[in-house]
């Protein structure tokens, strides 16, 4: 079973039974962390507030890890070293702590920029693993994560490129899939991206894609759900709105839907 505990940039990584057994389900186990995302401009120090909203005392282990986003923007832990990872730049104190039911605690996260760090954004994940202190017939462990972004000084390059647009059919649903690439050195947040479908200059529909992030030097997909009324050969005009430091991006496609 999985559960989302924080915002879109914090990861509810797993709520998995370590051992199965008969009898009643375990008492509620909980852990929250705020803020869900830390951003450092160079070296710095920040505090993450932890809270145990559950009915069981928990032991919490803290570690740093790399993370990645898949093509559709879903985050995941990456054990191997990935490009532009800041996992090795973080110091976490304490590494272990205990929280009584409804108690709160603090985690200090510091980032130390190494010499020669490449300009732009580098990211990592602070992984919090919680387990109940009391023994139970069913042992449950909870993991959640907080994203950390460290921006190294230097020239900021913002370059989002639009690639192929294609029609994808899954069951009875049709979507447009747009390939996007972040060729710059900072994380890009794509909001309110729209595709307007036209035939002979007549607008058939305007469809939007969900918000998502792109890490530097990675690619992803934006999805637009097509209305049933849109068929045949059309012109699709895609617009990515401007953002601080980034101009409006436009591209026109011709395709059959």
Protein backbone atom coordinates (compact mmCIF):
# COMPACT_ATOMS: atom_id res chain seq x y z
CA UNK A 1 0.00 0.00 0.00
CA UNK A 2 1.28 3.49 -0.76
CA UNK A 3 0.22 6.82 0.64
CA UNK A 4 1.02 10.39 -0.35
CA UNK A 5 1.95 12.31 2.77
CA UNK A 6 3.39 15.53 1.43
CA UNK A 7 3.17 17.86 -1.54
CA UNK A 8 3.98 17.17 -5.19
CA UNK A 9 7.73 17.47 -4.71
CA UNK A 10 7.97 15.30 -1.60
CA UNK A 11 7.86 11.60 -2.10
CA UNK A 12 5.74 9.13 -0.23
CA UNK A 13 8.14 6.38 -1.16
CA UNK A 14 6.74 3.30 0.51
CA UNK A 15 4.46 2.09 3.23
CA UNK A 16 5.25 -1.60 3.06
CA UNK A 17 4.84 -4.46 5.54
CA UNK A 18 8.20 -5.93 6.49
CA UNK A 19 6.50 -9.14 7.67
CA UNK A 20 2.99 -10.47 7.35
CA UNK A 21 0.94 -12.07 10.08
CA UNK A 22 -2.60 -12.87 11.12
CA UNK A 23 -4.72 -10.82 13.48
CA UNK A 24 -5.71 -7.19 13.63
CA UNK A 25 -3.98 -4.60 11.41
CA UNK A 26 -1.21 -2.55 13.05
CA UNK A 27 -1.99 0.70 14.80
CA UNK A 28 -1.63 3.89 12.79
CA UNK A 29 1.96 4.77 11.89
CA UNK A 30 2.74 8.25 10.73
CA UNK A 31 5.47 10.74 9.94
CA UNK A 32 5.28 14.16 8.29
CA UNK A 33 8.01 16.60 7.27
CA UNK A 34 7.87 20.30 6.41
CA UNK A 35 8.91 21.97 4.25
CA UNK A 36 8.53 19.38 1.51
CA UNK A 37 11.25 21.02 -0.59
CA UNK A 38 14.48 22.83 0.26
CA UNK A 39 16.31 25.17 -2.11
CA UNK A 40 19.87 26.36 -1.39
CA UNK A 41 21.62 29.07 -3.37
CA UNK A 42 25.14 27.86 -2.74
CA UNK A 43 26.11 26.42 0.64
CA UNK A 44 23.55 26.79 3.40
CA UNK A 45 21.66 25.39 6.35
CA UNK A 46 17.94 24.69 6.78
CA UNK A 47 15.62 23.02 9.29
CA UNK A 48 13.04 20.38 8.45
CA UNK A 49 10.27 19.98 11.03
CA UNK A 50 9.27 16.39 11.70
CA UNK A 51 6.09 15.28 13.41
CA UNK A 52 4.65 11.94 14.42
CA UNK A 53 0.85 12.20 14.08
CA UNK A 54 0.35 8.51 14.81
CA UNK A 55 -0.45 6.53 17.93
CA UNK A 56 2.89 4.71 18.03
CA UNK A 57 6.35 5.94 18.96
CA UNK A 58 8.64 5.71 15.95
CA UNK A 59 12.37 5.46 15.30
CA UNK A 60 13.45 7.57 12.33
CA UNK A 61 16.60 7.00 10.25
CA UNK A 62 17.80 9.78 7.96
CA UNK A 63 19.90 9.39 4.81
CA UNK A 64 20.56 11.17 1.52
CA UNK A 65 20.05 9.63 -1.90
CA UNK A 66 19.93 10.51 -5.56
CA UNK A 67 16.62 10.73 -7.33
CA UNK A 68 15.27 10.97 -10.83
CA UNK A 69 12.04 11.76 -12.64
CA UNK A 70 10.65 9.33 -15.18
CA UNK A 71 9.29 10.45 -18.54
CA UNK A 72 5.96 11.42 -16.97
CA UNK A 73 7.51 13.27 -14.03
CA UNK A 74 7.08 10.60 -11.35
CA UNK A 75 10.00 10.75 -8.87
CA UNK A 76 11.96 7.70 -7.73
CA UNK A 77 15.01 6.93 -5.63
CA UNK A 78 18.16 6.20 -7.58
CA UNK A 79 20.80 4.20 -5.72
CA UNK A 80 23.53 4.69 -8.28
CA UNK A 81 25.19 8.07 -8.69
CA UNK A 82 23.35 10.19 -11.23
CA UNK A 83 24.47 13.29 -13.07
CA UNK A 84 24.10 16.58 -11.22
CA UNK A 85 23.37 14.83 -7.93
CA UNK A 86 23.88 16.83 -4.71
CA UNK A 87 23.52 13.78 -2.45
CA UNK A 88 27.21 13.87 -1.51
CA UNK A 89 27.03 17.57 -0.63
CA UNK A 90 24.51 17.14 2.20
CA UNK A 91 25.05 16.69 5.92
CA UNK A 92 22.06 15.55 7.98
CA UNK A 93 21.82 15.89 11.75
CA UNK A 94 20.78 13.85 13.60
CA UNK A 95 21.04 10.64 11.59
CA UNK A 96 18.68 8.87 14.02
CA UNK A 97 15.91 10.16 16.26
CA UNK A 98 12.86 8.94 18.13
CA UNK A 99 9.45 10.58 18.15
CA UNK A 100 6.77 9.81 20.72
CA UNK A 101 3.13 9.82 19.57
CA UNK A 102 2.10 13.34 18.44
CA UNK A 103 5.62 14.62 19.20
CA UNK A 104 7.73 16.86 16.97
CA UNK A 105 11.43 17.05 16.21
CA UNK A 106 13.92 18.92 14.03
CA UNK A 107 16.28 17.77 11.31
CA UNK A 108 19.18 20.05 10.27
CA UNK A 109 20.09 19.84 6.59
CA UNK A 110 23.27 21.57 5.46
CA UNK A 111 24.68 21.78 1.94
CA UNK A 112 28.36 22.41 1.25
CA UNK A 113 29.24 23.28 -2.32
CA UNK A 114 32.44 21.58 -3.55
CA UNK A 115 35.08 23.48 -5.47
CA UNK A 116 34.49 23.54 -9.19
CA UNK A 117 30.79 22.69 -8.95
CA UNK A 118 29.12 23.06 -12.33
CA UNK A 119 26.80 26.10 -12.41
CA UNK A 120 23.08 25.50 -12.13
CA UNK A 121 20.82 23.14 -10.22
CA UNK A 122 21.91 19.95 -8.49
CA UNK A 123 19.43 17.89 -6.51
CA UNK A 124 19.13 15.11 -3.98
CA UNK A 125 16.61 13.45 -1.73
CA UNK A 126 16.52 13.34 2.06
CA UNK A 127 15.01 9.94 2.83
CA UNK A 128 13.26 9.49 6.18
CA UNK A 129 12.64 5.88 7.20
CA UNK A 130 10.34 5.31 10.19
CA UNK A 131 9.49 2.13 12.07
CA UNK A 132 7.49 1.58 15.26
CA UNK A 133 9.55 1.14 18.44
CA UNK A 134 7.13 -1.40 19.90
CA UNK A 135 7.05 -4.89 18.45
CA UNK A 136 3.95 -5.95 16.57
CA UNK A 137 2.70 -9.07 14.80
CA UNK A 138 2.77 -7.07 11.55
CA UNK A 139 5.82 -4.86 11.16
CA UNK A 140 5.32 -1.76 9.01
CA UNK A 141 8.01 0.61 7.79
CA UNK A 142 7.31 4.04 6.35
CA UNK A 143 9.60 5.98 4.03
CA UNK A 144 9.11 9.47 2.73
CA UNK A 145 11.39 12.00 1.14
CA UNK A 146 12.09 15.71 0.89
CA UNK A 147 13.61 17.07 -2.31
CA UNK A 148 16.70 19.28 -1.95
CA UNK A 149 17.87 21.56 -4.77
CA UNK A 150 21.30 23.21 -4.56
CA UNK A 151 22.03 25.93 -7.11
CA UNK A 152 25.72 26.45 -7.80
CA UNK A 153 26.75 29.98 -8.79
CA UNK A 154 27.54 30.82 -12.38
CA UNK A 155 25.75 31.47 -15.65
CA UNK A 156 22.15 30.23 -15.62
CA UNK A 157 21.08 28.61 -18.89
CA UNK A 158 17.35 28.14 -19.48
CA UNK A 159 16.59 26.19 -22.61
CA UNK A 160 13.43 24.12 -23.06
CA UNK A 161 12.98 22.42 -26.44
CA UNK A 162 9.82 20.88 -27.86
CA UNK A 163 10.20 17.61 -29.74
CA UNK A 164 7.84 15.17 -31.39
CA UNK A 165 4.06 15.38 -30.92
CA UNK A 166 2.15 12.14 -31.50
CA UNK A 167 -1.26 10.55 -30.94
CA UNK A 168 -1.37 7.67 -28.44
CA UNK A 169 -4.38 5.35 -28.06
CA UNK A 170 -4.85 3.40 -24.84
CA UNK A 171 -8.10 1.51 -24.69
CA UNK A 172 -10.85 3.96 -25.54
CA UNK A 173 -8.80 7.05 -24.63
CA UNK A 174 -6.72 9.15 -26.99
CA UNK A 175 -4.00 11.51 -25.88
CA UNK A 176 -1.35 13.69 -27.45
CA UNK A 177 2.16 13.03 -26.17
CA UNK A 178 4.66 15.85 -26.52
CA UNK A 179 8.38 15.21 -26.00
CA UNK A 180 10.12 18.01 -24.08
CA UNK A 181 13.81 18.43 -23.31
CA UNK A 182 15.54 20.59 -20.70
CA UNK A 183 18.88 21.43 -22.34
CA UNK A 184 19.70 24.07 -19.73
CA UNK A 185 21.33 23.81 -16.33
CA UNK A 186 18.36 24.59 -14.05
CA UNK A 187 15.19 22.71 -13.21
CA UNK A 188 12.26 23.89 -15.30
CA UNK A 189 8.67 23.89 -14.07
CA UNK A 190 6.20 23.70 -16.94
CA UNK A 191 2.81 25.19 -16.13
CA UNK A 192 -0.34 25.83 -18.18
CA UNK A 193 1.03 24.32 -21.39
CA UNK A 194 -1.72 24.43 -24.04
CA UNK A 195 -2.28 22.81 -27.43
CA UNK A 196 -4.82 24.43 -29.75
CA UNK A 197 -6.22 22.20 -32.51
CA UNK A 198 -7.26 23.89 -35.76
CA UNK A 199 -8.65 22.89 -39.15
CA UNK A 200 -8.65 25.51 -41.92
CA UNK A 201 -7.99 28.20 -39.29
CA UNK A 202 -11.09 27.11 -37.33
CA UNK A 203 -10.43 26.21 -33.71
CA UNK A 204 -11.62 22.73 -32.84
CA UNK A 205 -10.42 22.54 -29.23
CA UNK A 206 -7.81 23.75 -26.76
CA UNK A 207 -6.39 21.12 -24.41
CA UNK A 208 -3.96 21.50 -21.50
CA UNK A 209 -1.23 19.36 -19.98
CA UNK A 210 -0.65 18.84 -16.28
CA UNK A 211 2.14 20.73 -14.50
CA UNK A 212 5.48 18.98 -14.24
CA UNK A 213 9.19 19.51 -13.65
CA UNK A 214 12.17 18.77 -15.85
CA UNK A 215 15.61 18.31 -14.33
CA UNK A 216 18.62 19.72 -16.23
CA UNK A 217 19.74 17.65 -19.23
CA UNK A 218 16.73 15.32 -19.11
CA UNK A 219 13.67 14.72 -21.25
CA UNK A 220 10.05 14.04 -20.47
CA UNK A 221 6.53 13.81 -21.86
CA UNK A 222 3.55 16.13 -21.60
CA UNK A 223 0.12 14.57 -22.09
CA UNK A 224 -2.98 16.27 -23.54
CA UNK A 225 -6.28 14.42 -23.45
CA UNK A 226 -8.10 14.66 -26.76
CA UNK A 227 -11.86 15.34 -26.98
CA UNK A 228 -13.93 12.79 -28.90
CA UNK A 229 -14.96 15.47 -31.38
CA UNK A 230 -11.38 16.03 -32.60
CA UNK A 231 -10.69 13.86 -35.66
CA UNK A 232 -8.91 13.95 -38.98
CA UNK A 233 -5.95 16.02 -40.11
CA UNK A 234 -5.38 19.04 -37.87
CA UNK A 235 -2.85 21.72 -37.06
CA UNK A 236 -1.72 21.74 -33.43
CA UNK A 237 -0.22 24.91 -32.01
CA UNK A 238 1.59 24.29 -28.73
CA UNK A 239 2.39 27.18 -26.38
CA UNK A 240 4.57 26.99 -23.27
CA UNK A 241 4.03 30.20 -21.23
CA UNK A 242 6.94 32.40 -20.25
CA UNK A 243 8.60 32.04 -16.85
CA UNK A 244 11.20 34.21 -15.08
CA UNK A 245 14.25 34.08 -17.32
CA UNK A 246 12.46 32.06 -20.03
CA UNK A 247 10.54 33.32 -23.06
CA UNK A 248 7.30 31.94 -24.44
CA UNK A 249 7.92 28.76 -26.45
CA UNK A 250 5.76 28.02 -29.50
CA UNK A 251 5.71 25.25 -32.06
CA UNK A 252 3.23 24.18 -34.75
CA UNK A 253 2.60 20.58 -35.80
CA UNK A 254 0.58 18.91 -38.52
CA UNK A 255 -0.87 15.51 -37.64
CA UNK A 256 -3.79 13.14 -38.05
CA UNK A 257 -5.84 12.35 -34.93
